[in-house]
Amino acid sequence: MNIAFPAFFILLLIIPGFIFQNSYEKIENTNIEKKPFDVSSSLAFFYALILHCFLIYVLVPLSGSGVNFELCIKLLTSSKTLSDTDLEVINRSIPRVLLYFASSFILAYLFGKLVQWGVFKLNPYKSSKFSFDTPWYYELKGKLSDTQDAQIIKLSCLVESKNTAFLYYGLLEDFYLDSNGQLDRVVLSDAMRRPIESDDGSQSSSPQRFYEIKGDRLMLKYEDIKNINIEYLYITEED
């Protein structure tokens, strides 16, 4: 048997782990956690092992069939002792093998999303025990703790344009992270701006000093922003 086939077979077995990991570690098109390749590979192998155990001992028996472990070991070890009977069994099992791997890929994605949902449902705040290690997600979602869960978030962003610095102020509508989990851009609504150089320090917070920006959404790239001030607003019910 060609030595490339066992490697391909092992790859097929591990792929569901990577699918689960990728599905679990992403939310709203943002990469919320970044791990070294060796750590990522180890976790993917662990996830794939759990998923295959679930498939082999729970789902496969429900279909009325089983797994030929002896034949699998021969395939993994590149054994040259495959008999005509083994080849015939492999040939007959091709549809079921394809169904098994297709099911493992789909279940890995669905389980990843399910576990991700569970983590955010049970540990939705930055202060939670099992919160994700992300520098921006919880801050810009306003989910710091169970006593600091902001419903409205406003940003003040200092942006330098040539020789002039402007302060942009508005409601945070959305934000995007890059592939490294760092902030890439923010989107503001009801945005206003004012030049910093005209401030004399006496009325720096006066709304009259801001100029309204026409448009529904203002997008600012993080590389152009010098600093960001986050303002959390909480909605409380009064008796």
Protein backbone atom coordinates (compact mmCIF):
# COMPACT_ATOMS: atom_id res chain seq x y z
CA MET A 1 0.00 0.00 0.00
CA ASN A 2 1.24 3.50 -0.78
CA ILE A 3 2.51 5.22 2.36
CA ALA A 4 0.56 8.37 1.41
CA PHE A 5 -2.77 6.62 1.99
CA PRO A 6 -2.32 6.14 5.78
CA ALA A 7 -1.31 9.80 6.07
CA PHE A 8 -4.42 10.80 4.13
CA PHE A 9 -6.55 8.53 6.32
CA ILE A 10 -5.11 10.08 9.49
CA LEU A 11 -5.75 13.55 8.07
CA LEU A 12 -9.39 12.67 7.48
CA LEU A 13 -9.65 11.53 11.09
CA ILE A 14 -8.17 14.76 12.46
CA ILE A 15 -10.00 17.24 10.20
CA PRO A 16 -13.20 17.18 12.32
CA GLY A 17 -11.13 18.42 15.27
CA PHE A 18 -9.96 21.45 13.30
CA ILE A 19 -13.51 22.06 12.07
CA PHE A 20 -14.81 21.96 15.65
CA GLN A 21 -12.05 24.27 16.87
CA ASN A 22 -12.59 26.78 14.08
CA SER A 23 -16.34 26.73 14.62
CA TYR A 24 -16.01 27.08 18.39
CA GLU A 25 -13.46 29.91 18.41
CA LYS A 26 -15.24 32.31 16.08
CA ILE A 27 -18.22 34.55 16.62
CA GLU A 28 -19.74 37.26 14.42
CA ASN A 29 -16.89 37.11 11.89
CA THR A 30 -14.28 37.88 14.54
CA ASN A 31 -11.41 35.74 15.61
CA ILE A 32 -11.70 35.77 19.37
CA GLU A 33 -8.81 33.55 20.32
CA LYS A 34 -5.43 32.82 18.79
CA LYS A 35 -3.22 29.87 19.77
CA PRO A 36 0.20 28.64 18.63
CA PHE A 37 0.10 25.97 15.94
CA ASP A 38 1.33 23.17 18.23
CA VAL A 39 -1.31 23.95 20.86
CA SER A 40 -3.97 24.26 18.17
CA SER A 41 -2.98 20.91 16.65
CA SER A 42 -3.04 19.16 20.02
CA LEU A 43 -6.49 20.51 20.81
CA ALA A 44 -7.74 19.56 17.35
CA PHE A 45 -6.50 15.99 17.88
CA PHE A 46 -8.24 15.88 21.27
CA TYR A 47 -11.51 17.23 19.86
CA ALA A 48 -11.37 14.75 16.96
CA LEU A 49 -10.82 11.86 19.39
CA ILE A 50 -13.88 12.80 21.43
CA LEU A 51 -16.00 13.26 18.32
CA HIS A 52 -14.99 9.89 16.83
CA CYS A 53 -15.70 8.15 20.14
CA PHE A 54 -19.17 9.69 20.10
CA LEU A 55 -19.77 8.61 16.52
CA ILE A 56 -18.39 5.09 16.92
CA TYR A 57 -20.05 4.20 20.20
CA VAL A 58 -23.29 6.19 19.95
CA LEU A 59 -24.37 7.00 16.39
CA VAL A 60 -22.86 4.14 14.40
CA PRO A 61 -24.55 1.41 16.52
CA LEU A 62 -27.89 3.18 15.99
CA SER A 63 -27.51 2.59 12.25
CA GLY A 64 -27.24 -1.16 12.83
CA SER A 65 -23.62 -1.41 11.68
CA GLY A 66 -20.22 -1.33 13.35
CA VAL A 67 -16.60 -0.36 12.78
CA ASN A 68 -14.05 -2.92 11.63
CA PHE A 69 -11.16 -1.88 13.90
CA GLU A 70 -8.84 -4.57 12.58
CA LEU A 71 -9.19 -3.27 9.05
CA CYS A 72 -8.73 0.32 10.24
CA ILE A 73 -5.46 -0.63 11.96
CA LYS A 74 -4.22 -2.25 8.75
CA LEU A 75 -4.99 0.94 6.86
CA LEU A 76 -3.31 3.15 9.46
CA THR A 77 -0.14 1.02 9.63
CA SER A 78 0.20 0.75 5.87
CA SER A 79 -0.03 -3.00 6.20
CA LYS A 80 0.70 -5.06 3.10
CA THR A 81 -1.33 -7.97 4.38
CA LEU A 82 -4.65 -6.81 3.01
CA SER A 83 -6.40 -9.83 1.64
CA ASP A 84 -8.88 -9.99 -1.21
CA THR A 85 -11.60 -10.23 1.43
CA ASP A 86 -10.40 -6.99 3.04
CA LEU A 87 -10.39 -5.23 -0.31
CA GLU A 88 -13.90 -6.49 -0.99
CA VAL A 89 -15.09 -5.22 2.39
CA ILE A 90 -13.52 -1.83 1.71
CA ASN A 91 -15.15 -1.65 -1.70
CA ARG A 92 -18.60 -2.44 -0.26
CA SER A 93 -18.17 0.03 2.59
CA ILE A 94 -17.22 3.08 0.52
CA PRO A 95 -20.70 4.69 0.70
CA ARG A 96 -20.86 4.19 4.47
CA VAL A 97 -17.31 5.49 4.93
CA LEU A 98 -18.12 8.62 2.93
CA LEU A 99 -21.30 9.10 4.98
CA TYR A 100 -19.33 8.67 8.21
CA PHE A 101 -16.74 11.32 7.37
CA ALA A 102 -19.34 13.70 5.97
CA SER A 103 -21.33 13.29 9.19
CA SER A 104 -18.21 13.88 11.28
CA PHE A 105 -17.48 17.15 9.46
CA ILE A 106 -21.03 18.42 9.84
CA LEU A 107 -21.33 17.37 13.48
CA ALA A 108 -17.96 18.95 14.29
CA TYR A 109 -19.19 22.30 12.97
CA LEU A 110 -22.56 22.04 14.74
CA PHE A 111 -21.03 20.91 18.03
CA GLY A 112 -18.52 23.77 17.84
CA LYS A 113 -21.30 26.32 17.48
CA LEU A 114 -23.30 24.62 20.23
CA VAL A 115 -20.40 24.65 22.70
CA GLN A 116 -19.59 28.24 21.78
CA TRP A 117 -23.20 29.23 22.45
CA GLY A 118 -23.08 27.40 25.78
CA VAL A 119 -19.90 29.17 26.88
CA PHE A 120 -21.34 32.59 26.08
CA LYS A 121 -24.66 31.65 27.66
CA LEU A 122 -23.17 30.42 30.93
CA ASN A 123 -20.12 32.71 30.99
CA PRO A 124 -21.10 35.84 29.06
CA TYR A 125 -18.85 38.31 30.89
CA LYS A 126 -15.16 39.15 30.90
CA SER A 127 -15.01 38.33 34.61
CA SER A 128 -16.44 34.84 34.01
CA LYS A 129 -14.32 31.83 34.87
CA PHE A 130 -14.34 30.38 31.35
CA SER A 131 -14.38 33.63 29.38
CA PHE A 132 -12.46 33.78 26.12
CA ASP A 133 -9.02 35.39 26.08
CA THR A 134 -9.74 38.31 23.78
CA PRO A 135 -8.52 41.90 24.19
CA TRP A 136 -11.50 43.64 22.58
CA TYR A 137 -14.63 41.53 22.42
CA TYR A 138 -15.93 41.95 25.97
CA GLU A 139 -14.84 45.59 26.21
CA LEU A 140 -16.66 46.64 23.05
CA LYS A 141 -19.68 44.48 23.83
CA GLY A 142 -19.95 46.09 27.25
CA LYS A 143 -19.98 42.70 28.96
CA LEU A 144 -17.53 43.25 31.80
CA SER A 145 -19.37 41.60 34.69
CA ASP A 146 -22.88 40.79 35.87
CA THR A 147 -23.05 44.26 37.43
CA GLN A 148 -21.49 45.99 34.40
CA ASP A 149 -23.56 44.88 31.43
CA ALA A 150 -23.97 47.97 29.27
CA GLN A 151 -26.91 48.30 26.91
CA ILE A 152 -25.54 51.32 25.06
CA ILE A 153 -21.89 52.02 24.23
CA LYS A 154 -20.48 55.32 23.01
CA LEU A 155 -16.98 55.85 21.68
CA SER A 156 -14.78 58.93 21.53
CA CYS A 157 -11.99 58.34 18.99
CA LEU A 158 -9.07 60.68 18.47
CA VAL A 159 -8.01 60.62 14.81
CA GLU A 160 -5.16 62.60 13.28
CA SER A 161 -5.60 63.82 9.70
CA LYS A 162 -2.52 65.52 8.28
CA ASN A 163 -1.88 68.45 10.63
CA THR A 164 -5.28 68.38 12.32
CA ALA A 165 -6.63 66.08 15.02
CA PHE A 166 -10.36 65.36 15.22
CA LEU A 167 -12.39 63.82 18.00
CA TYR A 168 -15.15 61.55 16.66
CA TYR A 169 -18.04 60.74 18.98
CA GLY A 170 -20.98 58.42 18.42
CA LEU A 171 -22.84 55.22 19.23
CA LEU A 172 -20.90 52.02 18.67
CA GLU A 173 -22.81 50.02 16.06
CA ASP A 174 -20.28 47.31 15.25
CA PHE A 175 -16.60 46.41 15.31
CA TYR A 176 -14.32 44.05 13.43
CA LEU A 177 -11.15 42.23 14.46
CA ASP A 178 -8.29 41.13 12.24
CA SER A 179 -6.86 37.61 11.95
CA ASN A 180 -4.71 38.20 15.06
CA GLY A 181 -7.68 39.15 17.22
CA GLN A 182 -6.74 42.84 17.27
CA LEU A 183 -9.18 45.64 16.55
CA ASP A 184 -9.35 46.45 12.84
CA ARG A 185 -12.15 49.04 12.58
CA VAL A 186 -15.16 50.42 14.43
CA VAL A 187 -18.52 51.58 13.08
CA LEU A 188 -20.30 54.55 14.68
CA SER A 189 -23.83 55.85 14.19
CA ASP A 190 -25.13 59.36 14.97
CA ALA A 191 -21.49 60.39 14.69
CA MET A 192 -20.17 63.87 15.36
CA ARG A 193 -16.71 65.36 15.25
CA ARG A 194 -14.79 68.42 16.34
CA PRO A 195 -11.21 69.64 15.79
CA ILE A 196 -9.08 69.34 18.91
CA GLU A 197 -6.93 72.37 18.12
CA SER A 198 -9.86 74.73 18.65
CA ASP A 199 -10.36 73.57 22.25
CA ASP A 200 -9.47 75.96 25.00
CA GLY A 201 -10.31 73.48 27.77
CA SER A 202 -13.29 75.44 29.08
CA GLN A 203 -16.12 73.73 27.19
CA SER A 204 -14.52 70.56 25.88
CA SER A 205 -17.62 68.47 26.57
CA SER A 206 -20.21 70.89 25.21
CA PRO A 207 -22.35 69.37 22.42
CA GLN A 208 -22.25 72.70 20.56
CA ARG A 209 -18.58 72.14 19.87
CA PHE A 210 -19.33 69.05 17.78
CA TYR A 211 -20.25 69.06 14.10
CA GLU A 212 -22.80 66.52 12.95
CA ILE A 213 -21.64 64.11 10.24
CA LYS A 214 -24.21 63.29 7.57
CA GLY A 215 -24.69 59.59 7.00
CA ASP A 216 -25.95 56.54 8.85
CA ARG A 217 -22.69 54.78 9.68
CA LEU A 218 -19.17 56.11 10.06
CA MET A 219 -16.32 53.61 9.80
CA LEU A 220 -12.95 54.36 11.40
CA LYS A 221 -9.87 52.21 10.92
CA TYR A 222 -8.03 51.41 14.12
CA GLU A 223 -4.65 52.22 12.57
CA ASP A 224 -5.82 55.85 12.23
CA ILE A 225 -7.09 56.08 15.81
CA LYS A 226 -4.68 57.41 18.45
CA ASN A 227 -6.83 56.55 21.46
CA ILE A 228 -10.35 55.40 22.28
CA ASN A 229 -12.54 56.40 25.20
CA ILE A 230 -15.39 53.97 25.96
CA GLU A 231 -18.56 55.26 27.60
CA TYR A 232 -20.94 52.61 28.99
CA LEU A 233 -24.60 53.51 29.45
CA TYR A 234 -26.95 51.34 31.51
CA ILE A 235 -30.72 51.15 31.26
CA THR A 236 -32.41 50.69 34.64
CA GLU A 237 -36.07 50.29 35.48
CA GLU A 238 -37.64 52.63 37.99
CA ASP A 239 -40.55 51.71 40.24
